[in-house]
N, C-alpha and C. Protein backbone atom coordinates (compact mmCIF):
# COMPACT_ATOMS: atom_id res chain seq x y z
N MET A 1 87.11 -102.50 -25.13
CA MET A 1 86.30 -103.41 -24.08
C MET A 1 87.96 -104.02 -23.39
N LEU A 2 87.54 -104.13 -22.11
CA LEU A 2 88.67 -105.15 -21.46
C LEU A 2 88.85 -106.34 -21.85
N ASN A 3 90.19 -106.69 -22.01
CA ASN A 3 90.84 -107.98 -22.30
C ASN A 3 91.76 -108.66 -21.11
N LYS A 4 90.85 -109.00 -20.16
CA LYS A 4 91.53 -109.28 -18.92
C LYS A 4 92.87 -109.96 -18.80
N TYR A 5 93.24 -110.76 -20.48
CA TYR A 5 94.08 -111.75 -20.39
C TYR A 5 95.27 -111.49 -21.62
N SER A 6 95.36 -109.97 -21.44
CA SER A 6 96.21 -109.43 -22.17
C SER A 6 97.37 -108.77 -20.75
N GLU A 7 98.20 -108.82 -21.56
CA GLU A 7 99.69 -108.42 -20.84
C GLU A 7 100.06 -107.03 -20.61
N LYS A 8 99.10 -106.29 -21.62
CA LYS A 8 99.18 -104.91 -22.03
C LYS A 8 98.06 -104.11 -21.20
N VAL A 9 99.10 -103.30 -19.85
CA VAL A 9 97.97 -102.06 -18.89
C VAL A 9 96.75 -101.60 -19.44
N GLU A 10 97.66 -101.27 -21.16
CA GLU A 10 96.90 -99.88 -21.93
C GLU A 10 95.51 -100.96 -22.09
N ASP A 11 95.62 -102.11 -22.32
CA ASP A 11 94.25 -102.73 -22.75
C ASP A 11 93.13 -102.96 -21.56
N ASN A 12 93.30 -102.62 -21.08
CA ASN A 12 92.18 -103.18 -19.18
C ASN A 12 92.28 -102.01 -19.37
N LEU A 13 91.74 -100.84 -19.18
CA LEU A 13 91.79 -99.42 -18.23
C LEU A 13 90.47 -99.08 -18.23
N ASN A 14 89.55 -98.86 -16.55
CA ASN A 14 88.42 -98.84 -16.90
C ASN A 14 88.64 -96.88 -16.32
N MET A 15 87.43 -96.11 -16.67
CA MET A 15 88.10 -94.60 -16.54
C MET A 15 86.37 -94.86 -15.15
N ARG A 16 86.37 -94.68 -14.10
CA ARG A 16 85.69 -93.95 -12.70
C ARG A 16 84.57 -93.02 -13.06
N ILE A 17 83.81 -92.89 -12.78
CA ILE A 17 82.43 -91.43 -13.03
C ILE A 17 83.50 -90.57 -12.29
N ASP A 18 84.30 -90.86 -10.92
CA ASP A 18 85.24 -89.51 -10.43
C ASP A 18 86.51 -89.09 -11.18
N GLY A 19 86.65 -90.03 -11.25
CA GLY A 19 87.69 -89.42 -12.90
C GLY A 19 88.93 -90.01 -12.19
N ARG A 20 89.01 -91.68 -11.61
CA ARG A 20 90.19 -92.24 -11.53
C ARG A 20 90.44 -93.07 -13.01
N VAL A 21 91.17 -93.39 -12.95
CA VAL A 21 91.69 -94.74 -13.77
C VAL A 21 91.93 -96.08 -13.21
N GLU A 22 91.10 -97.15 -13.70
CA GLU A 22 91.71 -98.40 -12.64
C GLU A 22 92.16 -99.29 -13.60
N TRP A 23 93.62 -100.59 -13.57
CA TRP A 23 93.94 -101.14 -13.96
C TRP A 23 93.28 -102.29 -13.98
N ILE A 24 92.32 -103.12 -15.07
CA ILE A 24 91.91 -103.91 -14.54
C ILE A 24 92.11 -105.23 -14.44
N CYS A 25 93.06 -105.83 -13.34
CA CYS A 25 93.84 -107.47 -13.50
C CYS A 25 93.03 -108.70 -14.04
N LYS A 26 93.43 -109.62 -13.95
CA LYS A 26 93.38 -110.62 -14.69
C LYS A 26 92.26 -111.90 -13.16
N HIS A 27 92.88 -111.26 -12.47
CA HIS A 27 91.59 -111.35 -11.37
C HIS A 27 90.06 -110.61 -11.54
N GLY A 28 89.99 -109.57 -12.27
CA GLY A 28 89.14 -108.67 -12.66
C GLY A 28 89.25 -107.56 -11.16
N VAL A 29 90.37 -107.36 -10.56
CA VAL A 29 90.10 -106.11 -9.48
C VAL A 29 90.68 -104.76 -9.90
N GLY A 30 90.73 -103.97 -9.49
CA GLY A 30 90.66 -103.13 -10.42
C GLY A 30 91.41 -101.79 -8.92
N HIS A 31 92.62 -102.26 -9.93
CA HIS A 31 93.71 -101.33 -9.38
C HIS A 31 94.03 -99.43 -9.94
N THR A 32 93.77 -98.81 -8.39
CA THR A 32 93.86 -97.33 -9.03
C THR A 32 95.16 -96.95 -9.83
N ILE A 33 94.82 -96.31 -10.70
CA ILE A 33 96.55 -95.86 -11.69
C ILE A 33 97.07 -94.21 -12.19
N TYR A 34 95.67 -93.58 -11.62
CA TYR A 34 95.62 -92.16 -11.44
C TYR A 34 94.85 -91.47 -11.13
N ALA A 35 95.17 -90.22 -10.34
CA ALA A 35 93.46 -89.59 -9.51
C ALA A 35 93.10 -88.30 -9.88
N PRO A 36 92.74 -87.70 -10.05
CA PRO A 36 93.09 -85.73 -10.61
C PRO A 36 93.68 -85.40 -9.83
N THR A 37 93.46 -85.64 -8.16
CA THR A 37 94.19 -85.12 -7.64
C THR A 37 95.43 -85.35 -6.94
N GLY A 38 95.53 -86.70 -7.17
CA GLY A 38 96.80 -87.65 -7.02
C GLY A 38 96.90 -87.59 -5.88
N GLU A 39 96.11 -87.38 -4.64
CA GLU A 39 95.76 -87.51 -3.23
C GLU A 39 96.23 -89.03 -3.35
N GLU A 40 97.16 -89.39 -1.92
CA GLU A 40 97.37 -91.07 -1.57
C GLU A 40 96.19 -91.60 -1.03
N TRP A 41 95.00 -90.92 -0.92
CA TRP A 41 93.94 -91.44 -0.96
C TRP A 41 93.10 -91.91 -1.65
N GLU A 42 93.16 -91.87 -3.09
CA GLU A 42 92.22 -91.89 -4.10
C GLU A 42 93.20 -93.12 -4.66
N PHE A 43 94.34 -93.56 -3.87
CA PHE A 43 95.20 -94.78 -4.83
C PHE A 43 94.41 -96.12 -3.83
N ILE A 44 93.54 -95.87 -2.52
CA ILE A 44 93.32 -96.93 -1.64
C ILE A 44 92.08 -98.12 -2.81
N HIS A 45 92.90 -99.27 -2.48
CA HIS A 45 91.97 -99.92 -3.81
C HIS A 45 91.67 -101.61 -3.18
N GLY A 46 90.69 -102.38 -3.25
CA GLY A 46 91.38 -103.74 -3.14
C GLY A 46 91.95 -103.68 -3.75
N CYS A 47 92.84 -105.05 -3.43
CA CYS A 47 94.37 -105.23 -3.93
C CYS A 47 94.28 -107.20 -4.09
N CYS A 48 94.71 -108.15 -5.33
CA CYS A 48 94.87 -109.30 -4.86
C CYS A 48 96.59 -109.28 -5.21
N GLY A 49 96.94 -107.80 -5.53
CA GLY A 49 98.73 -107.98 -4.87
C GLY A 49 99.04 -108.05 -6.67
N CYS A 50 98.52 -107.74 -7.69
CA CYS A 50 98.84 -107.57 -8.92
C CYS A 50 99.83 -107.16 -9.22
N CYS A 51 99.64 -105.67 -8.62
CA CYS A 51 99.91 -104.16 -9.17
C CYS A 51 101.29 -103.67 -8.22
N GLU A 52 101.21 -105.02 -7.29
CA GLU A 52 103.16 -104.99 -6.63
C GLU A 52 103.75 -104.51 -7.53
N GLY A 53 104.43 -102.88 -7.56
CA GLY A 53 105.82 -103.39 -7.92
C GLY A 53 105.37 -102.22 -9.54
N LYS A 54 104.61 -102.19 -9.85
CA LYS A 54 104.01 -101.78 -10.98
C LYS A 54 103.50 -100.44 -10.83
N ARG A 55 103.39 -99.41 -9.67
CA ARG A 55 103.26 -97.65 -9.23
C ARG A 55 103.99 -97.19 -10.31
N GLU A 56 105.51 -97.25 -10.60
CA GLU A 56 105.97 -96.12 -12.22
C GLU A 56 105.38 -96.77 -12.89
N GLU A 57 105.61 -97.79 -13.85
CA GLU A 57 105.29 -98.59 -15.30
C GLU A 57 103.67 -97.96 -15.30
N TYR A 58 102.74 -97.56 -14.26
CA TYR A 58 101.35 -96.94 -14.66
C TYR A 58 101.71 -95.46 -14.76
N LYS A 59 102.11 -95.12 -13.87
CA LYS A 59 103.04 -93.28 -14.27
C LYS A 59 103.58 -93.13 -15.36
N LYS A 60 103.92 -93.95 -15.91
CA LYS A 60 105.08 -93.43 -17.15
C LYS A 60 103.47 -93.21 -18.40
N LEU A 61 102.67 -94.45 -18.33
CA LEU A 61 101.89 -94.44 -18.96
C LEU A 61 100.66 -93.13 -18.94
N MET A 62 100.21 -92.92 -17.81
CA MET A 62 99.41 -91.79 -18.17
C MET A 62 100.21 -90.59 -18.27
N ARG A 63 101.29 -90.80 -18.47
CA ARG A 63 101.90 -88.99 -18.70
C ARG A 63 102.20 -88.67 -20.27
N LYS A 64 101.79 -90.47 -21.44
CA LYS A 64 101.42 -90.45 -22.75
C LYS A 64 100.29 -90.23 -23.15
């Protein structure tokens, strides 16, 4: 269950059918944090600015 008010990224993850994983922010926007091939185009998303500067945090989370 998503909790859009949680500050923890792992509480708000969505696995897409294409294999990408998105973090759903408090605004309801899906920010891609993992893509199966890792190609840059797979990280293009509608953005509200919530993911600015958090890419390294996402990478660490996905390595767990």
